Amino acid sequence: AGDHMGAGEAANMAKYAAGEVVCNAVDRAIQTH
């Protein structure tokens, strides 16, 4: 939509959230096994 400031904030949040969840997901998957 061309909202680069809003996109910058949301993209950083998305990257943070995804980085946390992938580490947690793999760790929990290993623990499950």
ModelCIF file with pLDDT and N, C-alpha, C, O atoms, coordinates in Angstrom:
data_MODEL
#
_entry.id   MODEL 
#
_entity.id                         1 
_entity.type                       polymer 
_entity.pdbx_number_of_molecules   1 
#
_entity_poly.entity_id                      1 
_entity_poly.type                           'polypeptide(L)' 
_entity_poly.nstd_linkage                   no 
_entity_poly.nstd_monomer                   no 
_entity_poly.pdbx_seq_one_letter_code       AGDHMGAGEAANMAKYAAGEVVCNAVDRAIQTH 
_entity_poly.pdbx_seq_one_letter_code_can   AGDHMGAGEAANMAKYAAGEVVCNAVDRAIQTH 
_entity_poly.pdbx_strand_id                 A 
#
loop_
_entity_poly_seq.entity_id 
_entity_poly_seq.num 
_entity_poly_seq.mon_id 
_entity_poly_seq.hetero 
1 1  ALA n 
1 2  GLY n 
1 3  ASP n 
1 4  HIS n 
1 5  MET n 
1 6  GLY n 
1 7  ALA n 
1 8  GLY n 
1 9  GLU n 
1 10 ALA n 
1 11 ALA n 
1 12 ASN n 
1 13 MET n 
1 14 ALA n 
1 15 LYS n 
1 16 TYR n 
1 17 ALA n 
1 18 ALA n 
1 19 GLY n 
1 20 GLU n 
1 21 VAL n 
1 22 VAL n 
1 23 CYS n 
1 24 ASN n 
1 25 ALA n 
1 26 VAL n 
1 27 ASP n 
1 28 ARG n 
1 29 ALA n 
1 30 ILE n 
1 31 GLN n 
1 32 THR n 
1 33 HIS n 
#
_struct_asym.id          A 
_struct_asym.entity_id   1 
#
loop_
_ma_qa_metric.id 
_ma_qa_metric.mode 
_ma_qa_metric.name 
_ma_qa_metric.software_group_id 
_ma_qa_metric.type 
1 global pLDDT . pLDDT 
2 local  pLDDT . pLDDT 
#
_ma_qa_metric_global.metric_id      1 
_ma_qa_metric_global.metric_value   96.82 
_ma_qa_metric_global.model_id       1 
_ma_qa_metric_global.ordinal_id     1 
#
loop_
_ma_qa_metric_local.label_asym_id 
_ma_qa_metric_local.label_comp_id 
_ma_qa_metric_local.label_seq_id 
_ma_qa_metric_local.metric_id 
_ma_qa_metric_local.metric_value 
_ma_qa_metric_local.model_id 
_ma_qa_metric_local.ordinal_id 
A ALA 1  2 94.00 1 1  
A GLY 2  2 93.00 1 2  
A ASP 3  2 94.00 1 3  
A HIS 4  2 89.00 1 4  
A MET 5  2 92.00 1 5  
A GLY 6  2 95.00 1 6  
A ALA 7  2 96.00 1 7  
A GLY 8  2 95.00 1 8  
A GLU 9  2 97.00 1 9  
A ALA 10 2 97.00 1 10 
A ALA 11 2 98.00 1 11 
A ASN 12 2 97.00 1 12 
A MET 13 2 98.00 1 13 
A ALA 14 2 98.00 1 14 
A LYS 15 2 98.00 1 15 
A TYR 16 2 98.00 1 16 
A ALA 17 2 98.00 1 17 
A ALA 18 2 98.00 1 18 
A GLY 19 2 98.00 1 19 
A GLU 20 2 98.00 1 20 
A VAL 21 2 98.00 1 21 
A VAL 22 2 98.00 1 22 
A CYS 23 2 98.00 1 23 
A ASN 24 2 98.00 1 24 
A ALA 25 2 98.00 1 25 
A VAL 26 2 98.00 1 26 
A ASP 27 2 98.00 1 27 
A ARG 28 2 98.00 1 28 
A ALA 29 2 98.00 1 29 
A ILE 30 2 98.00 1 30 
A GLN 31 2 98.00 1 31 
A THR 32 2 98.00 1 32 
A HIS 33 2 98.00 1 33 
#
loop_
_atom_site.group_PDB 
_atom_site.id 
_atom_site.type_symbol 
_atom_site.label_atom_id 
_atom_site.label_alt_id 
_atom_site.label_comp_id 
_atom_site.label_asym_id 
_atom_site.label_entity_id 
_atom_site.label_seq_id 
_atom_site.pdbx_PDB_ins_code 
_atom_site.Cartn_x 
_atom_site.Cartn_y 
_atom_site.Cartn_z 
_atom_site.occupancy 
_atom_site.B_iso_or_equiv 
_atom_site.pdbx_formal_charge 
_atom_site.auth_seq_id 
_atom_site.auth_comp_id 
_atom_site.auth_asym_id 
_atom_site.auth_atom_id 
_atom_site.pdbx_PDB_model_num 
ATOM 1   N N  . ALA A 1 1  ? 0.814  -1.218  0.000  1.00 94.00 ? 1  ALA A N  1 
ATOM 2   C CA . ALA A 1 1  ? 0.000  0.000   0.000  1.00 94.00 ? 1  ALA A CA 1 
ATOM 3   C C  . ALA A 1 1  ? 0.846  1.266   0.000  1.00 94.00 ? 1  ALA A C  1 
ATOM 4   O O  . ALA A 1 1  ? 0.306  2.369   -0.083 1.00 94.00 ? 1  ALA A O  1 
ATOM 5   N N  . GLY A 1 2  ? 2.160  1.123   0.091  1.00 93.00 ? 2  GLY A N  1 
ATOM 6   C CA . GLY A 1 2  ? 3.040  2.282   0.066  1.00 93.00 ? 2  GLY A CA 1 
ATOM 7   C C  . GLY A 1 2  ? 3.270  2.937   1.407  1.00 93.00 ? 2  GLY A C  1 
ATOM 8   O O  . GLY A 1 2  ? 3.862  4.015   1.476  1.00 93.00 ? 2  GLY A O  1 
ATOM 9   N N  . ASP A 1 3  ? 2.808  2.301   2.486  1.00 94.00 ? 3  ASP A N  1 
ATOM 10  C CA . ASP A 1 3  ? 3.028  2.831   3.839  1.00 94.00 ? 3  ASP A CA 1 
ATOM 11  C C  . ASP A 1 3  ? 4.352  2.277   4.353  1.00 94.00 ? 3  ASP A C  1 
ATOM 12  O O  . ASP A 1 3  ? 4.382  1.282   5.077  1.00 94.00 ? 3  ASP A O  1 
ATOM 13  N N  . HIS A 1 4  ? 5.437  2.928   3.973  1.00 89.00 ? 4  HIS A N  1 
ATOM 14  C CA . HIS A 1 4  ? 6.752  2.364   4.248  1.00 89.00 ? 4  HIS A CA 1 
ATOM 15  C C  . HIS A 1 4  ? 7.133  2.447   5.723  1.00 89.00 ? 4  HIS A C  1 
ATOM 16  O O  . HIS A 1 4  ? 7.827  1.564   6.226  1.00 89.00 ? 4  HIS A O  1 
ATOM 17  N N  . MET A 1 5  ? 6.699  3.478   6.418  1.00 92.00 ? 5  MET A N  1 
ATOM 18  C CA . MET A 1 5  ? 6.981  3.554   7.855  1.00 92.00 ? 5  MET A CA 1 
ATOM 19  C C  . MET A 1 5  ? 6.198  2.468   8.593  1.00 92.00 ? 5  MET A C  1 
ATOM 20  O O  . MET A 1 5  ? 6.752  1.765   9.438  1.00 92.00 ? 5  MET A O  1 
ATOM 21  N N  . GLY A 1 6  ? 4.927  2.335   8.277  1.00 95.00 ? 6  GLY A N  1 
ATOM 22  C CA . GLY A 1 6  ? 4.124  1.284   8.895  1.00 95.00 ? 6  GLY A CA 1 
ATOM 23  C C  . GLY A 1 6  ? 4.641  -0.094  8.544  1.00 95.00 ? 6  GLY A C  1 
ATOM 24  O O  . GLY A 1 6  ? 4.668  -0.991  9.387  1.00 95.00 ? 6  GLY A O  1 
ATOM 25  N N  . ALA A 1 7  ? 5.054  -0.262  7.291  1.00 96.00 ? 7  ALA A N  1 
ATOM 26  C CA . ALA A 1 7  ? 5.594  -1.555  6.863  1.00 96.00 ? 7  ALA A CA 1 
ATOM 27  C C  . ALA A 1 7  ? 6.896  -1.871  7.567  1.00 96.00 ? 7  ALA A C  1 
ATOM 28  O O  . ALA A 1 7  ? 7.154  -3.023  7.914  1.00 96.00 ? 7  ALA A O  1 
ATOM 29  N N  . GLY A 1 8  ? 7.730  -0.841  7.786  1.00 95.00 ? 8  GLY A N  1 
ATOM 30  C CA . GLY A 1 8  ? 8.993  -1.058  8.483  1.00 95.00 ? 8  GLY A CA 1 
ATOM 31  C C  . GLY A 1 8  ? 8.771  -1.541  9.898  1.00 95.00 ? 8  GLY A C  1 
ATOM 32  O O  . GLY A 1 8  ? 9.440  -2.468  10.354 1.00 95.00 ? 8  GLY A O  1 
ATOM 33  N N  . GLU A 1 9  ? 7.838  -0.921  10.596 1.00 97.00 ? 9  GLU A N  1 
ATOM 34  C CA . GLU A 1 9  ? 7.516  -1.346  11.958 1.00 97.00 ? 9  GLU A CA 1 
ATOM 35  C C  . GLU A 1 9  ? 6.972  -2.771  11.962 1.00 97.00 ? 9  GLU A C  1 
ATOM 36  O O  . GLU A 1 9  ? 7.420  -3.608  12.746 1.00 97.00 ? 9  GLU A O  1 
ATOM 37  N N  . ALA A 1 10 ? 6.009  -3.046  11.088 1.00 97.00 ? 10 ALA A N  1 
ATOM 38  C CA . ALA A 1 10 ? 5.385  -4.364  11.060 1.00 97.00 ? 10 ALA A CA 1 
ATOM 39  C C  . ALA A 1 10 ? 6.363  -5.435  10.604 1.00 97.00 ? 10 ALA A C  1 
ATOM 40  O O  . ALA A 1 10 ? 6.332  -6.555  11.114 1.00 97.00 ? 10 ALA A O  1 
ATOM 41  N N  . ALA A 1 11 ? 7.235  -5.108  9.649  1.00 98.00 ? 11 ALA A N  1 
ATOM 42  C CA . ALA A 1 11 ? 8.206  -6.089  9.158  1.00 98.00 ? 11 ALA A CA 1 
ATOM 43  C C  . ALA A 1 11 ? 9.198  -6.466  10.250 1.00 98.00 ? 11 ALA A C  1 
ATOM 44  O O  . ALA A 1 11 ? 9.578  -7.630  10.370 1.00 98.00 ? 11 ALA A O  1 
ATOM 45  N N  . ASN A 1 12 ? 9.620  -5.485  11.046 1.00 97.00 ? 12 ASN A N  1 
ATOM 46  C CA . ASN A 1 12 ? 10.516 -5.787  12.157 1.00 97.00 ? 12 ASN A CA 1 
ATOM 47  C C  . ASN A 1 12 ? 9.814  -6.638  13.214 1.00 97.00 ? 12 ASN A C  1 
ATOM 48  O O  . ASN A 1 12 ? 10.406 -7.573  13.752 1.00 97.00 ? 12 ASN A O  1 
ATOM 49  N N  . MET A 1 13 ? 8.562  -6.321  13.509 1.00 98.00 ? 13 MET A N  1 
ATOM 50  C CA . MET A 1 13 ? 7.802  -7.123  14.457 1.00 98.00 ? 13 MET A CA 1 
ATOM 51  C C  . MET A 1 13 ? 7.628  -8.551  13.947 1.00 98.00 ? 13 MET A C  1 
ATOM 52  O O  . MET A 1 13 ? 7.783  -9.513  14.700 1.00 98.00 ? 13 MET A O  1 
ATOM 53  N N  . ALA A 1 14 ? 7.305  -8.679  12.661 1.00 98.00 ? 14 ALA A N  1 
ATOM 54  C CA . ALA A 1 14 ? 7.106  -10.001 12.076 1.00 98.00 ? 14 ALA A CA 1 
ATOM 55  C C  . ALA A 1 14 ? 8.382  -10.825 12.132 1.00 98.00 ? 14 ALA A C  1 
ATOM 56  O O  . ALA A 1 14 ? 8.358  -12.011 12.459 1.00 98.00 ? 14 ALA A O  1 
ATOM 57  N N  . LYS A 1 15 ? 9.491  -10.181 11.811 1.00 98.00 ? 15 LYS A N  1 
ATOM 58  C CA . LYS A 1 15 ? 10.769 -10.888 11.828 1.00 98.00 ? 15 LYS A CA 1 
ATOM 59  C C  . LYS A 1 15 ? 11.124 -11.325 13.246 1.00 98.00 ? 15 LYS A C  1 
ATOM 60  O O  . LYS A 1 15 ? 11.606 -12.438 13.453 1.00 98.00 ? 15 LYS A O  1 
ATOM 61  N N  . TYR A 1 16 ? 10.885 -10.448 14.221 1.00 98.00 ? 16 TYR A N  1 
ATOM 62  C CA . TYR A 1 16 ? 11.138 -10.800 15.624 1.00 98.00 ? 16 TYR A CA 1 
ATOM 63  C C  . TYR A 1 16 ? 10.273 -11.977 16.036 1.00 98.00 ? 16 TYR A C  1 
ATOM 64  O O  . TYR A 1 16 ? 10.780 -12.962 16.572 1.00 98.00 ? 16 TYR A O  1 
ATOM 65  N N  . ALA A 1 17 ? 8.967  -11.885 15.791 1.00 98.00 ? 17 ALA A N  1 
ATOM 66  C CA . ALA A 1 17 ? 8.040  -12.944 16.208 1.00 98.00 ? 17 ALA A CA 1 
ATOM 67  C C  . ALA A 1 17 ? 8.375  -14.270 15.538 1.00 98.00 ? 17 ALA A C  1 
ATOM 68  O O  . ALA A 1 17 ? 8.325  -15.322 16.175 1.00 98.00 ? 17 ALA A O  1 
ATOM 69  N N  . ALA A 1 18 ? 8.714  -14.222 14.263 1.00 98.00 ? 18 ALA A N  1 
ATOM 70  C CA . ALA A 1 18 ? 9.023  -15.454 13.536 1.00 98.00 ? 18 ALA A CA 1 
ATOM 71  C C  . ALA A 1 18 ? 10.327 -16.074 14.026 1.00 98.00 ? 18 ALA A C  1 
ATOM 72  O O  . ALA A 1 18 ? 10.440 -17.296 14.126 1.00 98.00 ? 18 ALA A O  1 
ATOM 73  N N  . GLY A 1 19 ? 11.317 -15.223 14.333 1.00 98.00 ? 19 GLY A N  1 
ATOM 74  C CA . GLY A 1 19 ? 12.576 -15.744 14.866 1.00 98.00 ? 19 GLY A CA 1 
ATOM 75  C C  . GLY A 1 19 ? 12.399 -16.437 16.198 1.00 98.00 ? 19 GLY A C  1 
ATOM 76  O O  . GLY A 1 19 ? 13.037 -17.454 16.466 1.00 98.00 ? 19 GLY A O  1 
ATOM 77  N N  . GLU A 1 20 ? 11.527 -15.883 17.041 1.00 98.00 ? 20 GLU A N  1 
ATOM 78  C CA . GLU A 1 20 ? 11.261 -16.510 18.329 1.00 98.00 ? 20 GLU A CA 1 
ATOM 79  C C  . GLU A 1 20 ? 10.512 -17.822 18.165 1.00 98.00 ? 20 GLU A C  1 
ATOM 80  O O  . GLU A 1 20 ? 10.856 -18.821 18.798 1.00 98.00 ? 20 GLU A O  1 
ATOM 81  N N  . VAL A 1 21 ? 9.498  -17.823 17.324 1.00 98.00 ? 21 VAL A N  1 
ATOM 82  C CA . VAL A 1 21 ? 8.660  -19.021 17.234 1.00 98.00 ? 21 VAL A CA 1 
ATOM 83  C C  . VAL A 1 21 ? 9.394  -20.173 16.557 1.00 98.00 ? 21 VAL A C  1 
ATOM 84  O O  . VAL A 1 21 ? 9.169  -21.330 16.913 1.00 98.00 ? 21 VAL A O  1 
ATOM 85  N N  . VAL A 1 22 ? 10.260 -19.890 15.596 1.00 98.00 ? 22 VAL A N  1 
ATOM 86  C CA . VAL A 1 22 ? 10.940 -21.009 14.943 1.00 98.00 ? 22 VAL A CA 1 
ATOM 87  C C  . VAL A 1 22 ? 11.921 -21.679 15.909 1.00 98.00 ? 22 VAL A C  1 
ATOM 88  O O  . VAL A 1 22 ? 12.075 -22.900 15.888 1.00 98.00 ? 22 VAL A O  1 
ATOM 89  N N  . CYS A 1 23 ? 12.583 -20.884 16.755 1.00 98.00 ? 23 CYS A N  1 
ATOM 90  C CA . CYS A 1 23 ? 13.465 -21.479 17.762 1.00 98.00 ? 23 CYS A CA 1 
ATOM 91  C C  . CYS A 1 23 ? 12.662 -22.306 18.760 1.00 98.00 ? 23 CYS A C  1 
ATOM 92  O O  . CYS A 1 23 ? 13.053 -23.417 19.116 1.00 98.00 ? 23 CYS A O  1 
ATOM 93  N N  . ASN A 1 24 ? 11.532 -21.753 19.210 1.00 98.00 ? 24 ASN A N  1 
ATOM 94  C CA . ASN A 1 24 ? 10.687 -22.478 20.152 1.00 98.00 ? 24 ASN A CA 1 
ATOM 95  C C  . ASN A 1 24 ? 10.093 -23.732 19.514 1.00 98.00 ? 24 ASN A C  1 
ATOM 96  O O  . ASN A 1 24 ? 10.016 -24.782 20.153 1.00 98.00 ? 24 ASN A O  1 
ATOM 97  N N  . ALA A 1 25 ? 9.678  -23.622 18.268 1.00 98.00 ? 25 ALA A N  1 
ATOM 98  C CA . ALA A 1 25 ? 9.035  -24.750 17.595 1.00 98.00 ? 25 ALA A CA 1 
ATOM 99  C C  . ALA A 1 25 ? 9.989  -25.927 17.450 1.00 98.00 ? 25 ALA A C  1 
ATOM 100 O O  . ALA A 1 25 ? 9.620  -27.069 17.723 1.00 98.00 ? 25 ALA A O  1 
ATOM 101 N N  . VAL A 1 26 ? 11.210 -25.648 17.021 1.00 98.00 ? 26 VAL A N  1 
ATOM 102 C CA . VAL A 1 26 ? 12.179 -26.728 16.835 1.00 98.00 ? 26 VAL A CA 1 
ATOM 103 C C  . VAL A 1 26 ? 12.565 -27.321 18.189 1.00 98.00 ? 26 VAL A C  1 
ATOM 104 O O  . VAL A 1 26 ? 12.681 -28.539 18.325 1.00 98.00 ? 26 VAL A O  1 
ATOM 105 N N  . ASP A 1 27 ? 12.762 -26.459 19.191 1.00 98.00 ? 27 ASP A N  1 
ATOM 106 C CA . ASP A 1 27 ? 13.115 -26.951 20.522 1.00 98.00 ? 27 ASP A CA 1 
ATOM 107 C C  . ASP A 1 27 ? 12.002 -27.845 21.094 1.00 98.00 ? 27 ASP A C  1 
ATOM 108 O O  . ASP A 1 27 ? 12.277 -28.916 21.636 1.00 98.00 ? 27 ASP A O  1 
ATOM 109 N N  . ARG A 1 28 ? 10.765 -27.403 20.971 1.00 98.00 ? 28 ARG A N  1 
ATOM 110 C CA . ARG A 1 28 ? 9.648  -28.193 21.491 1.00 98.00 ? 28 ARG A CA 1 
ATOM 111 C C  . ARG A 1 28 ? 9.450  -29.478 20.696 1.00 98.00 ? 28 ARG A C  1 
ATOM 112 O O  . ARG A 1 28 ? 9.073  -30.507 21.256 1.00 98.00 ? 28 ARG A O  1 
ATOM 113 N N  . ALA A 1 29 ? 9.700  -29.418 19.410 1.00 98.00 ? 29 ALA A N  1 
ATOM 114 C CA . ALA A 1 29 ? 9.584  -30.627 18.594 1.00 98.00 ? 29 ALA A CA 1 
ATOM 115 C C  . ALA A 1 29 ? 10.619 -31.667 19.009 1.00 98.00 ? 29 ALA A C  1 
ATOM 116 O O  . ALA A 1 29 ? 10.318 -32.857 19.100 1.00 98.00 ? 29 ALA A O  1 
ATOM 117 N N  . ILE A 1 30 ? 11.844 -31.203 19.260 1.00 98.00 ? 30 ILE A N  1 
ATOM 118 C CA . ILE A 1 30 ? 12.889 -32.117 19.725 1.00 98.00 ? 30 ILE A CA 1 
ATOM 119 C C  . ILE A 1 30 ? 12.502 -32.713 21.069 1.00 98.00 ? 30 ILE A C  1 
ATOM 120 O O  . ILE A 1 30 ? 12.654 -33.916 21.283 1.00 98.00 ? 30 ILE A O  1 
ATOM 121 N N  . GLN A 1 31 ? 12.005 -31.884 21.973 1.00 98.00 ? 31 GLN A N  1 
ATOM 122 C CA . GLN A 1 31 ? 11.614 -32.366 23.295 1.00 98.00 ? 31 GLN A CA 1 
ATOM 123 C C  . GLN A 1 31 ? 10.475 -33.385 23.195 1.00 98.00 ? 31 GLN A C  1 
ATOM 124 O O  . GLN A 1 31 ? 10.441 -34.357 23.949 1.00 98.00 ? 31 GLN A O  1 
ATOM 125 N N  . THR A 1 32 ? 9.563  -33.162 22.280 1.00 98.00 ? 32 THR A N  1 
ATOM 126 C CA . THR A 1 32 ? 8.461  -34.104 22.064 1.00 98.00 ? 32 THR A CA 1 
ATOM 127 C C  . THR A 1 32 ? 8.983  -35.478 21.667 1.00 98.00 ? 32 THR A C  1 
ATOM 128 O O  . THR A 1 32 ? 8.432  -36.502 22.070 1.00 98.00 ? 32 THR A O  1 
ATOM 129 N N  . HIS A 1 33 ? 10.038 -35.489 20.882 1.00 98.00 ? 33 HIS A N  1 
ATOM 130 C CA . HIS A 1 33 ? 10.604 -36.750 20.394 1.00 98.00 ? 33 HIS A CA 1 
ATOM 131 C C  . HIS A 1 33 ? 11.524 -37.430 21.401 1.00 98.00 ? 33 HIS A C  1 
ATOM 132 O O  . HIS A 1 33 ? 12.067 -38.498 21.118 1.00 98.00 ? 33 HIS A O  1 
#
